[in-house]
Protein backbone atom coordinates (compact mmCIF):
# COMPACT_ATOMS: atom_id res chain seq x y z
CA MET A 1 57.29 71.05 46.89
CA LYS A 2 58.07 67.80 48.35
CA LYS A 3 54.10 67.48 49.05
CA ASP A 4 53.61 68.73 45.53
CA LYS A 5 55.82 65.68 44.13
CA GLY A 6 54.09 63.15 46.42
CA TRP A 7 50.70 64.26 44.90
CA LYS A 8 51.78 63.74 41.80
CA PHE A 9 53.49 60.52 42.17
CA GLY A 10 50.41 58.96 43.84
CA LEU A 11 48.14 59.95 40.81
CA LEU A 12 50.78 58.34 38.25
CA LEU A 13 50.59 55.42 40.49
CA THR A 14 46.94 54.98 40.30
CA VAL A 15 46.51 55.41 36.59
CA MET A 16 49.23 52.61 36.19
CA VAL A 17 47.06 50.39 38.47
CA LEU A 18 43.95 51.12 36.49
CA MET A 19 46.15 50.08 33.41
CA LEU A 20 47.18 47.35 34.42
CA SER A 21 43.68 45.87 35.48
CA ALA A 22 42.19 46.68 32.01
CA CYS A 23 45.09 44.67 30.27
CA MET A 24 44.64 41.45 32.39
CA GLY A 25 41.05 42.04 31.89
CA ASN A 26 41.03 41.77 28.21
CA ASN A 27 43.71 39.01 28.26
CA ALA A 28 41.32 37.15 30.48
CA ASN A 29 38.48 37.54 28.09
CA ASN A 30 40.47 36.35 25.09
CA GLU A 31 41.15 33.15 26.84
CA THR A 32 38.27 32.18 27.82
CA GLY A 33 36.46 33.05 24.30
CA GLU A 34 33.80 35.27 26.13
CA GLY A 35 32.17 37.68 23.50
CA GLU A 36 32.64 34.88 20.84
CA ARG A 37 29.71 32.65 19.23
CA GLN A 38 29.63 29.27 21.01
CA PRO A 39 29.29 25.83 18.74
CA PRO A 40 25.70 24.55 19.09
CA ALA A 41 25.13 21.77 21.36
CA ALA A 42 25.61 18.32 20.12
CA PRO A 43 22.12 16.42 19.70
CA GLU A 44 20.98 14.28 22.73
CA ASN A 45 21.37 10.44 22.35
CA GLY A 46 23.66 10.73 18.89
CA ALA A 47 20.78 11.77 16.80
CA ASP A 48 21.78 13.71 13.74
CA ALA A 49 19.29 16.94 13.85
CA SER A 50 19.23 18.45 10.52
CA PRO A 51 17.47 22.15 10.33
CA GLY A 52 13.92 22.06 10.12
CA ASP A 53 13.74 18.50 11.67
CA THR A 54 10.81 18.12 14.33
CA GLU A 55 9.45 15.60 16.50
CA THR A 56 6.82 14.44 13.42
CA GLY A 57 10.12 13.97 10.84
CA THR A 58 9.06 16.86 8.67
CA THR A 59 11.78 18.98 6.69
CA ASP A 60 12.03 22.44 5.56
CA GLY A 61 8.84 22.95 3.11
CA GLY A 62 7.80 19.53 4.27
CA THR A 63 4.43 18.48 6.03
CA ASP A 64 4.01 15.82 8.47
CA GLN A 65 1.57 13.65 5.99
CA THR A 66 2.17 9.97 5.99
CA PRO A 67 2.86 8.16 2.74
CA ASP A 68 -0.37 6.76 2.79
CA GLU A 69 -2.28 10.13 3.26
CA GLY A 70 -4.13 11.26 0.28
CA LYS A 71 -5.34 7.87 -0.64
CA GLU A 72 -8.85 6.65 0.11
CA ALA A 73 -8.85 3.80 2.81
CA GLY A 74 -8.02 0.38 1.64
CA GLU A 75 -6.86 1.95 -1.73
CA THR A 76 -3.27 0.78 -3.27
CA ASP A 77 -0.84 2.93 -5.34
CA ALA A 78 -0.31 0.33 -8.38
CA ALA A 79 3.00 2.22 -8.90
CA ASP A 80 4.49 0.29 -5.26
CA LEU A 81 3.42 -3.05 -6.50
CA PRO A 82 6.20 -4.94 -8.56
CA GLU A 83 5.59 -5.84 -12.34
CA THR A 84 5.85 -9.45 -11.87
CA LYS A 85 5.00 -11.79 -9.11
CA ASN A 86 4.48 -15.79 -9.00
CA LEU A 87 1.26 -16.98 -7.87
CA GLU A 88 1.13 -20.02 -5.99
CA PHE A 89 -1.95 -22.40 -5.85
CA GLU A 90 -2.50 -26.31 -5.44
CA LEU A 91 -3.02 -28.71 -8.70
CA GLU A 92 -4.56 -31.82 -8.18
CA GLY A 93 -3.09 -31.97 -4.85
CA MET A 94 0.60 -30.55 -5.71
CA PRO A 95 2.03 -26.89 -5.29
CA GLU A 96 2.19 -25.10 -8.13
CA SER A 97 3.83 -21.69 -8.87
CA VAL A 98 3.38 -19.72 -12.03
CA PRO A 99 4.90 -16.40 -13.28
CA ALA A 100 1.98 -13.54 -13.40
CA LYS A 101 2.24 -9.77 -14.51
CA LEU A 102 0.54 -6.57 -12.92
CA THR A 103 -2.54 -5.65 -14.87
CA ARG A 104 -4.56 -2.51 -14.60
CA SER A 105 -8.28 -1.88 -15.36
CA ASP A 106 -9.94 1.47 -15.95
CA GLN A 107 -12.58 0.16 -13.38
CA GLY A 108 -10.19 1.20 -10.43
CA TYR A 109 -8.24 -2.03 -10.01
CA ALA A 110 -5.32 -4.07 -10.39
CA PHE A 111 -4.62 -7.58 -10.26
CA TYR A 112 -1.73 -10.30 -11.45
CA LEU A 113 -2.66 -11.98 -14.52
CA MET A 114 -1.20 -15.34 -15.05
CA GLU A 115 0.93 -16.79 -17.72
CA GLY A 116 -1.60 -18.32 -20.48
CA PHE A 117 -4.42 -15.61 -19.98
CA GLU A 118 -5.32 -12.98 -21.68
CA PHE A 119 -7.16 -9.78 -20.28
CA THR A 120 -9.72 -7.40 -22.15
CA PRO A 121 -12.25 -4.64 -21.34
CA GLU A 122 -15.61 -5.98 -22.65
CA GLU A 123 -17.70 -3.62 -22.13
CA PRO A 124 -18.37 -0.31 -19.61
CA GLY A 125 -18.01 -2.06 -16.12
CA LYS A 126 -17.12 -5.43 -17.43
CA ASP A 127 -13.81 -6.88 -17.84
CA LEU A 128 -12.94 -10.39 -18.92
CA ILE A 129 -9.96 -12.50 -18.13
CA PHE A 130 -9.71 -15.61 -20.34
CA HIS A 131 -7.03 -18.56 -20.82
CA LYS A 132 -5.31 -18.17 -24.23
CA GLN A 133 -5.61 -21.82 -25.62
CA PHE A 134 -9.07 -22.56 -24.00
CA PRO A 135 -10.81 -19.13 -24.13
CA GLU A 136 -14.13 -20.82 -23.21
CA PHE A 137 -12.83 -21.04 -19.56
CA TYR A 138 -13.37 -17.37 -18.37
CA SER A 139 -14.00 -14.94 -15.40
CA ARG A 140 -16.04 -11.75 -16.28
CA VAL A 141 -15.00 -9.05 -13.56
CA GLU A 142 -17.25 -6.21 -12.61
CA MET A 143 -16.31 -3.73 -9.86
CA LEU A 144 -19.53 -2.64 -8.21
CA PRO A 145 -19.99 -0.06 -5.25
CA ALA A 146 -19.71 -1.29 -1.41
CA ASP A 147 -23.35 -0.09 -0.71
CA MET A 148 -24.99 -2.41 -3.22
CA ASP A 149 -27.74 -4.29 -2.31
CA LEU A 150 -26.56 -7.87 -1.28
CA ASN A 151 -29.90 -9.63 -1.68
CA GLU A 152 -30.57 -7.91 -5.24
CA LEU A 153 -27.06 -9.42 -6.02
CA LYS A 154 -27.89 -12.85 -4.73
CA ALA A 155 -31.54 -12.69 -6.81
CA ASN A 156 -29.68 -11.55 -10.06
CA ALA A 157 -27.11 -14.41 -9.49
CA GLU A 158 -30.05 -17.27 -9.09
CA GLU A 159 -31.91 -15.88 -12.07
CA THR A 160 -28.83 -16.13 -14.00
CA LEU A 161 -27.36 -19.42 -12.89
CA LYS A 162 -31.01 -21.17 -13.34
CA LEU A 163 -30.44 -21.22 -16.87
CA ILE A 164 -27.72 -23.87 -16.14
CA GLY A 165 -28.94 -25.87 -13.44
CA GLU A 166 -29.94 -26.19 -9.82
CA VAL A 167 -28.49 -23.16 -7.59
CA VAL A 168 -26.46 -24.19 -5.00
CA SER A 169 -24.73 -21.91 -2.62
CA GLN A 170 -21.23 -23.14 -1.45
CA GLU A 171 -20.00 -22.58 1.99
CA GLY A 172 -17.60 -23.89 4.09
CA ALA A 173 -15.45 -26.68 3.02
CA ASN A 174 -17.04 -26.42 -0.47
CA ILE A 175 -15.12 -23.53 -0.96
CA PHE A 176 -11.66 -25.17 -1.58
CA ASP A 177 -9.84 -21.63 -1.42
CA GLU A 178 -9.30 -20.35 2.08
CA ASN A 179 -8.79 -16.55 1.15
CA ILE A 180 -12.24 -16.70 -0.93
CA ARG A 181 -13.99 -18.56 1.73
CA LYS A 182 -12.97 -15.97 4.17
CA ASN A 183 -13.93 -12.77 1.97
CA ALA A 184 -16.89 -14.10 -0.10
CA LYS A 185 -20.29 -12.55 0.66
CA PHE A 186 -21.58 -15.22 -1.21
CA PHE A 187 -20.75 -17.85 -3.55
CA TYR A 188 -23.16 -19.73 -6.05
CA HIS A 189 -22.84 -22.59 -8.16
CA ALA A 190 -24.68 -24.33 -11.00
CA SER A 191 -23.73 -26.95 -13.19
CA ASN A 192 -25.13 -29.21 -16.31
CA ALA A 193 -23.61 -31.99 -18.35
CA GLU A 194 -21.64 -29.94 -20.46
CA LEU A 195 -21.03 -26.44 -18.26
CA SER A 196 -20.15 -25.17 -14.50
CA LYS A 197 -20.83 -21.52 -13.57
CA ASN A 198 -20.10 -19.78 -10.44
CA ILE A 199 -20.99 -16.33 -9.22
CA ILE A 200 -18.96 -14.87 -6.39
CA VAL A 201 -19.19 -11.68 -4.56
CA ILE A 202 -16.31 -10.59 -2.76
CA GLU A 203 -15.47 -7.17 -0.36
CA ASN A 204 -12.12 -5.69 -1.33
CA ASN A 205 -11.10 -2.51 0.41
CA GLY A 206 -14.47 -0.41 -0.08
CA ALA A 207 -15.86 -1.94 -3.05
CA LEU A 208 -17.62 -5.17 -4.11
CA PHE A 209 -16.50 -7.32 -6.78
CA ARG A 210 -18.52 -9.64 -8.75
CA TYR A 211 -16.82 -12.69 -10.51
CA THR A 212 -18.81 -14.83 -12.86
CA LEU A 213 -16.79 -17.92 -13.96
CA ASN A 214 -17.43 -19.94 -16.90
CA PHE A 215 -15.96 -23.36 -16.63
CA PRO A 216 -16.79 -26.11 -19.23
CA ASN A 217 -16.96 -29.71 -18.02
CA SER A 218 -14.07 -30.69 -20.52
CA GLU A 219 -10.73 -32.53 -19.96
CA ALA A 220 -9.30 -28.99 -19.54
CA ALA A 221 -10.86 -28.26 -16.49
CA GLU A 222 -8.69 -29.63 -13.92
CA GLY A 223 -5.56 -27.87 -15.34
CA VAL A 224 -7.48 -24.36 -16.03
CA SER A 225 -10.22 -23.67 -13.73
CA PRO A 226 -7.92 -23.94 -10.35
CA ARG A 227 -6.04 -20.79 -11.83
CA PHE A 228 -8.64 -18.40 -11.79
CA TYR A 229 -8.91 -18.55 -7.72
CA PRO A 230 -5.12 -17.02 -7.18
CA MET A 231 -5.51 -14.08 -9.91
CA ILE A 232 -9.04 -13.50 -8.32
CA ASN A 233 -6.61 -13.22 -4.52
CA SER A 234 -4.56 -10.75 -6.24
CA PHE A 235 -6.90 -8.11 -6.88
CA VAL A 236 -6.71 -4.55 -5.33
CA VAL A 237 -8.46 -1.26 -5.15
CA THR A 238 -6.04 1.52 -7.12
CA ARG A 239 -8.59 4.59 -7.84
């Protein structure tokens, strides 16, 4: 009888030990948070990583296209240009700054039209910039393919200018505007007692621009003629 009671007491003691162990295990799990979802690790170096961010800087639904992709090389989005700016140049040795407004052409370019001038399409493929008060001062603008034969363009310019006088190829210091001196493919000039005429071809971001400048030899020439060159320097290809 005593043996039977001892066996029952041992079994009861074993069950109590097992129950006590189980309770202690659950308490340990609750204290350490095991089994619960842990918060994500913070980004390294303090970076604010957003969902979808990658090393290329893309976001959900985006691409790794840069802002300039989708445009041809050298082209400018006219929407990115300010609507007005001041054009700076020298007039009789003194610095001048004149307001100008962004002007767009159907030929596929934009430029800044200086205050006191007008711009108008003349005929298909040709535009005209002229002075409001002295409209006989003008520049005809043609945007040409970059693969046009330069020798052919030079021959055409010479034939046109021969009607005015001796054709002179302007080079180096004879081209007073530094940007035009650097970028012009050629700069031809002819003049007589009444008129000076220049034909300039400039390569600009994958296109050739031909400017035919008509300047009467009058008192207005010194004040009007130099204003055309900063406008020419503001041209950008947009199409």
